Amino acid sequence: MLECRAISKTYRIEGREVAALRDFDLHLPAGSLTVLVGPSGCGKTTALRLLAGLEQPTAGAIVRSGGKPLGVGYVFQEPRLMPWLSVARNVGFALEGRAPKPDITARVAEILDVMGLGDFADARPDQLSGGMASRAGLARALVTRPELLLLDEPFAALDAMTRRRLQAELVAVWQRLRPTIVFVTHDIEEAALLADSVCLMERGVIAERYANRVPRPRDPTDLAIVELRRAIIAGFEAGESRKSNT
């Protein structure tokens, strides 16, 4: 569905060129779930911004299937809900001006039910728990029925149990709606549990790729998941060693 071909992205900071991405190649089959992992500053968020069309590459090309623009949903690290609006109006805001009001009402109700928020449609963001606010942020991205869903560490601030529950809910929603997902995380276990493919980034490039064919639902104690985590950690440590030697 989407392919990054030899993408480079540089920024000019205090008079010098800083490379955020270098010869970045990424192939995203339709309906796939790809996870980007790597240390801070390795280019993960820059890659998401380019995929979203929020920035343009310095070199290389992003090729879309059929050459058509894609519908894109973007979920940030924080839910970024507007505190003066109800949950339903926060979610429906993404559709304002793009659909008739009755259609918006119906689609918002549908996605709130999918995300387990149907009983909280009239609640304000400050009345939600952290996990519920994250669900609302995800619902706002999904209500537009995007072909490409980009998530930038959406569960990073949550406690372990809430995080695990939302991981399972994300997979369930993905299996039902089948957007193509690119998910950024620092959590290697999260990557192993979610991904079809894990891409380990290092200084603006994809240093390693790991296919994940473990059937869902996945158990973090499954030997195949444990081995995948070990392989990713080994790749990360090798990258850190290379960095310290340069």
Protein backbone atom coordinates (compact mmCIF):
# COMPACT_ATOMS: atom_id res chain seq x y z
CA MET A 1 0.00 0.00 0.00
CA LEU A 2 2.79 2.40 0.88
CA GLU A 3 6.54 2.37 0.40
CA CYS A 4 9.38 4.63 1.51
CA ARG A 5 12.25 4.51 -0.95
CA ALA A 6 15.68 5.77 0.12
CA ILE A 7 14.16 8.54 2.23
CA SER A 8 16.44 11.12 3.76
CA LYS A 9 15.35 13.98 5.99
CA THR A 10 17.71 16.68 7.21
CA TYR A 11 17.10 19.71 9.38
CA ARG A 12 19.18 22.86 9.61
CA ILE A 13 19.90 23.53 13.28
CA GLU A 14 22.12 26.41 14.37
CA GLY A 15 23.72 26.62 10.96
CA ARG A 16 24.48 22.92 10.53
CA GLU A 17 22.75 20.04 8.77
CA VAL A 18 21.37 17.30 11.04
CA ALA A 19 20.21 14.05 9.44
CA ALA A 20 17.08 12.60 11.07
CA LEU A 21 16.66 9.86 8.42
CA ARG A 22 19.20 8.41 5.98
CA ASP A 23 18.33 6.00 3.15
CA PHE A 24 15.20 4.95 5.02
CA ASP A 25 13.37 2.10 3.26
CA LEU A 26 10.02 0.79 4.51
CA HIS A 27 7.41 -1.33 2.76
CA LEU A 28 3.91 -1.36 4.28
CA PRO A 29 1.55 -4.02 2.89
CA ALA A 30 -2.14 -3.15 3.16
CA GLY A 31 -3.58 -4.19 6.51
CA SER A 32 -0.18 -4.81 8.12
CA LEU A 33 0.90 -3.79 11.63
CA THR A 34 4.49 -2.54 11.69
CA VAL A 35 6.27 -1.40 14.85
CA LEU A 36 9.26 0.96 14.88
CA VAL A 37 11.56 0.67 17.91
CA GLY A 38 14.88 2.26 18.77
CA PRO A 39 16.55 4.76 21.09
CA SER A 40 15.40 8.36 21.43
CA GLY A 41 16.51 10.50 18.52
CA CYS A 42 16.82 7.64 16.02
CA GLY A 43 14.17 9.08 13.67
CA LYS A 44 10.99 7.18 14.62
CA THR A 45 8.73 10.20 14.99
CA THR A 46 10.25 11.86 11.92
CA ALA A 47 9.30 8.76 9.93
CA LEU A 48 5.70 9.02 11.19
CA ARG A 49 5.49 12.70 10.29
CA LEU A 50 6.69 11.97 6.77
CA LEU A 51 4.20 9.12 6.38
CA ALA A 52 1.45 11.46 7.59
CA GLY A 53 2.42 14.10 5.04
CA LEU A 54 3.16 16.62 7.81
CA GLU A 55 6.67 17.02 6.40
CA GLN A 56 8.34 16.30 3.09
CA PRO A 57 11.51 14.23 2.61
CA THR A 58 14.76 15.95 1.69
CA ALA A 59 15.50 13.11 -0.73
CA GLY A 60 13.84 9.88 -1.81
CA ALA A 61 10.16 9.17 -2.38
CA ILE A 62 7.07 7.94 -0.59
CA VAL A 63 5.08 5.88 -3.08
CA ARG A 64 1.38 5.22 -2.50
CA SER A 65 -0.53 2.39 -4.13
CA GLY A 66 -2.20 3.73 -7.26
CA GLY A 67 -0.68 7.13 -6.60
CA LYS A 68 -3.79 8.16 -4.62
CA PRO A 69 -3.70 10.16 -1.36
CA LEU A 70 -4.43 8.00 1.66
CA GLY A 71 -6.76 8.70 4.54
CA VAL A 72 -4.47 9.03 7.57
CA GLY A 73 -5.21 8.90 11.31
CA TYR A 74 -2.56 10.08 13.78
CA VAL A 75 -2.49 9.28 17.51
CA PHE A 76 -0.04 11.24 19.65
CA GLN A 77 1.71 10.36 22.91
CA GLU A 78 -0.97 12.34 24.78
CA PRO A 79 -4.68 12.12 23.88
CA ARG A 80 -4.83 15.90 23.23
CA LEU A 81 -8.55 16.07 23.90
CA MET A 82 -10.21 19.49 24.01
CA PRO A 83 -11.26 19.92 27.66
CA TRP A 84 -14.34 22.05 26.89
CA LEU A 85 -15.91 19.38 24.64
CA SER A 86 -17.57 16.10 25.53
CA VAL A 87 -15.99 12.81 24.50
CA ALA A 88 -18.48 12.49 21.63
CA ARG A 89 -17.76 15.99 20.36
CA ASN A 90 -14.00 15.46 20.67
CA VAL A 91 -14.29 12.34 18.53
CA GLY A 92 -16.73 13.90 16.07
CA PHE A 93 -14.53 16.98 15.64
CA ALA A 94 -12.42 14.99 13.16
CA LEU A 95 -15.47 14.72 10.86
CA GLU A 96 -16.82 18.27 11.10
CA GLY A 97 -17.31 19.75 7.66
CA ARG A 98 -16.66 16.36 6.05
CA ALA A 99 -20.00 14.62 6.57
CA PRO A 100 -23.65 15.51 7.34
CA LYS A 101 -24.43 15.88 11.04
CA PRO A 102 -26.62 12.71 11.25
CA ASP A 103 -23.79 10.68 9.69
CA ILE A 104 -21.29 12.13 12.15
CA THR A 105 -23.56 11.27 15.10
CA ALA A 106 -23.96 7.69 13.87
CA ARG A 107 -20.27 7.15 13.18
CA VAL A 108 -19.23 8.63 16.52
CA ALA A 109 -21.69 6.37 18.37
CA GLU A 110 -20.38 3.34 16.46
CA ILE A 111 -16.70 3.97 17.19
CA LEU A 112 -17.38 4.84 20.85
CA ASP A 113 -19.11 1.48 21.22
CA VAL A 114 -16.17 -0.27 19.53
CA MET A 115 -13.78 1.43 21.98
CA GLY A 116 -15.95 0.71 25.03
CA LEU A 117 -16.80 4.38 25.56
CA GLY A 118 -20.49 4.35 24.68
CA ASP A 119 -21.53 5.15 28.26
CA PHE A 120 -19.10 8.11 28.41
CA ALA A 121 -20.15 9.99 25.27
CA ASP A 122 -21.27 13.02 27.31
CA ALA A 123 -18.36 12.97 29.77
CA ARG A 124 -15.68 15.66 29.76
CA PRO A 125 -12.01 14.67 29.33
CA ASP A 126 -11.23 15.52 32.97
CA GLN A 127 -13.78 12.89 34.03
CA LEU A 128 -11.90 10.10 32.23
CA SER A 129 -9.15 7.84 33.49
CA GLY A 130 -5.86 7.80 31.60
CA GLY A 131 -6.81 4.62 29.77
CA MET A 132 -10.22 6.00 28.78
CA ALA A 133 -8.65 9.22 27.52
CA SER A 134 -6.26 7.15 25.39
CA ARG A 135 -9.25 5.23 24.01
CA ALA A 136 -10.93 8.50 23.14
CA GLY A 137 -7.83 9.71 21.30
CA LEU A 138 -7.72 6.47 19.35
CA ALA A 139 -11.46 6.71 18.60
CA ARG A 140 -10.96 10.21 17.17
CA ALA A 141 -8.33 8.84 14.76
CA LEU A 142 -10.45 5.82 13.80
CA VAL A 143 -13.75 7.64 13.25
CA THR A 144 -12.48 8.93 9.90
CA ARG A 145 -11.94 5.29 8.81
CA PRO A 146 -8.30 5.88 7.85
CA GLU A 147 -6.44 3.56 5.54
CA LEU A 148 -3.22 4.38 7.40
CA LEU A 149 -3.13 4.70 11.20
CA LEU A 150 0.00 6.17 12.78
CA LEU A 151 0.56 5.85 16.54
CA ASP A 152 3.39 7.63 18.36
CA GLU A 153 3.87 5.89 21.74
CA PRO A 154 0.16 6.21 22.59
CA PHE A 155 0.34 4.03 25.72
CA ALA A 156 3.67 5.24 27.13
CA ALA A 157 2.21 7.14 30.10
CA LEU A 158 -0.14 4.36 31.25
CA ASP A 159 0.30 1.83 34.03
CA ALA A 160 1.25 -1.72 33.03
CA MET A 161 -2.20 -3.28 33.40
CA THR A 162 -4.01 -0.51 31.51
CA ARG A 163 -1.35 -0.64 28.83
CA ARG A 164 -1.78 -4.39 28.39
CA ARG A 165 -5.56 -4.02 28.12
CA LEU A 166 -5.29 -1.26 25.50
CA GLN A 167 -2.77 -3.27 23.50
CA ALA A 168 -5.35 -6.08 23.28
CA GLU A 169 -8.09 -3.62 22.38
CA LEU A 170 -5.94 -2.06 19.65
CA VAL A 171 -5.33 -5.47 18.09
CA ALA A 172 -9.06 -6.28 18.26
CA VAL A 173 -9.96 -3.00 16.54
CA TRP A 174 -7.24 -3.53 13.93
CA GLN A 175 -8.50 -7.03 13.17
CA ARG A 176 -12.04 -5.67 12.78
CA LEU A 177 -11.30 -2.54 10.71
CA ARG A 178 -7.97 -3.54 9.09
CA PRO A 179 -6.19 -0.22 8.65
CA THR A 180 -2.49 -0.36 7.91
CA ILE A 181 -0.76 0.56 11.19
CA VAL A 182 2.66 1.98 11.98
CA PHE A 183 3.23 2.03 15.74
CA VAL A 184 6.18 3.69 17.46
CA THR A 185 7.30 2.48 20.90
CA HIS A 186 10.33 2.23 23.18
CA ASP A 187 8.85 -0.90 24.78
CA ILE A 188 10.33 -4.05 23.22
CA GLU A 189 7.72 -6.35 24.78
CA GLU A 190 4.98 -4.15 23.34
CA ALA A 191 6.63 -4.40 19.92
CA ALA A 192 6.82 -8.19 20.11
CA LEU A 193 3.19 -8.52 21.21
CA LEU A 194 1.74 -6.19 18.57
CA ALA A 195 3.77 -6.37 15.39
CA ASP A 196 3.67 -8.34 12.18
CA SER A 197 7.05 -6.77 11.54
CA VAL A 198 9.43 -5.01 13.95
CA CYS A 199 11.90 -2.48 12.54
CA LEU A 200 14.81 -1.57 14.81
CA MET A 201 16.01 1.93 13.98
CA GLU A 202 19.49 3.27 14.57
CA ARG A 203 20.65 6.80 13.74
CA GLY A 204 18.08 7.39 11.02
CA VAL A 205 18.17 3.99 9.31
CA ILE A 206 16.46 0.65 9.81
CA ALA A 207 19.29 -1.46 11.19
CA GLU A 208 17.34 -4.72 11.62
CA ARG A 209 13.96 -6.15 10.62
CA TYR A 210 12.21 -8.96 12.49
CA ALA A 211 9.20 -10.84 11.10
CA ASN A 212 6.68 -11.93 13.72
CA ARG A 213 4.50 -14.86 12.70
CA VAL A 214 3.33 -15.85 16.18
CA PRO A 215 -0.46 -16.44 16.05
CA ARG A 216 -2.75 -14.05 17.91
CA PRO A 217 -3.75 -13.72 20.70
CA ARG A 218 -0.17 -13.59 21.94
CA ASP A 219 1.19 -14.45 25.36
CA PRO A 220 4.28 -12.53 26.55
CA THR A 221 5.58 -15.78 28.09
CA ASP A 222 5.32 -17.66 24.78
CA LEU A 223 8.82 -18.93 23.91
CA ALA A 224 8.64 -17.45 20.40
CA ILE A 225 7.77 -14.02 21.82
CA VAL A 226 10.56 -14.30 24.40
CA GLU A 227 13.06 -15.21 21.67
CA LEU A 228 11.91 -12.29 19.52
CA ARG A 229 12.39 -9.91 22.44
CA ARG A 230 15.89 -11.31 23.00
CA ALA A 231 16.75 -10.83 19.33
CA ILE A 232 15.55 -7.21 19.37
CA ILE A 233 17.46 -6.49 22.59
CA ALA A 234 20.60 -8.03 21.09
CA GLY A 235 20.18 -5.85 18.00
CA PHE A 236 19.68 -2.77 20.17
CA GLU A 237 22.78 -3.53 22.24
CA ALA A 238 24.84 -4.10 19.08
CA GLY A 239 23.72 -0.68 17.84
CA GLU A 240 24.67 0.97 21.12
CA SER A 241 28.08 -0.69 20.91
CA ARG A 242 28.58 0.61 17.37
CA LYS A 243 27.57 4.10 18.48
CA SER A 244 30.03 4.10 21.39
CA ASN A 245 32.85 3.03 19.06
CA THR A 246 32.35 5.88 16.60
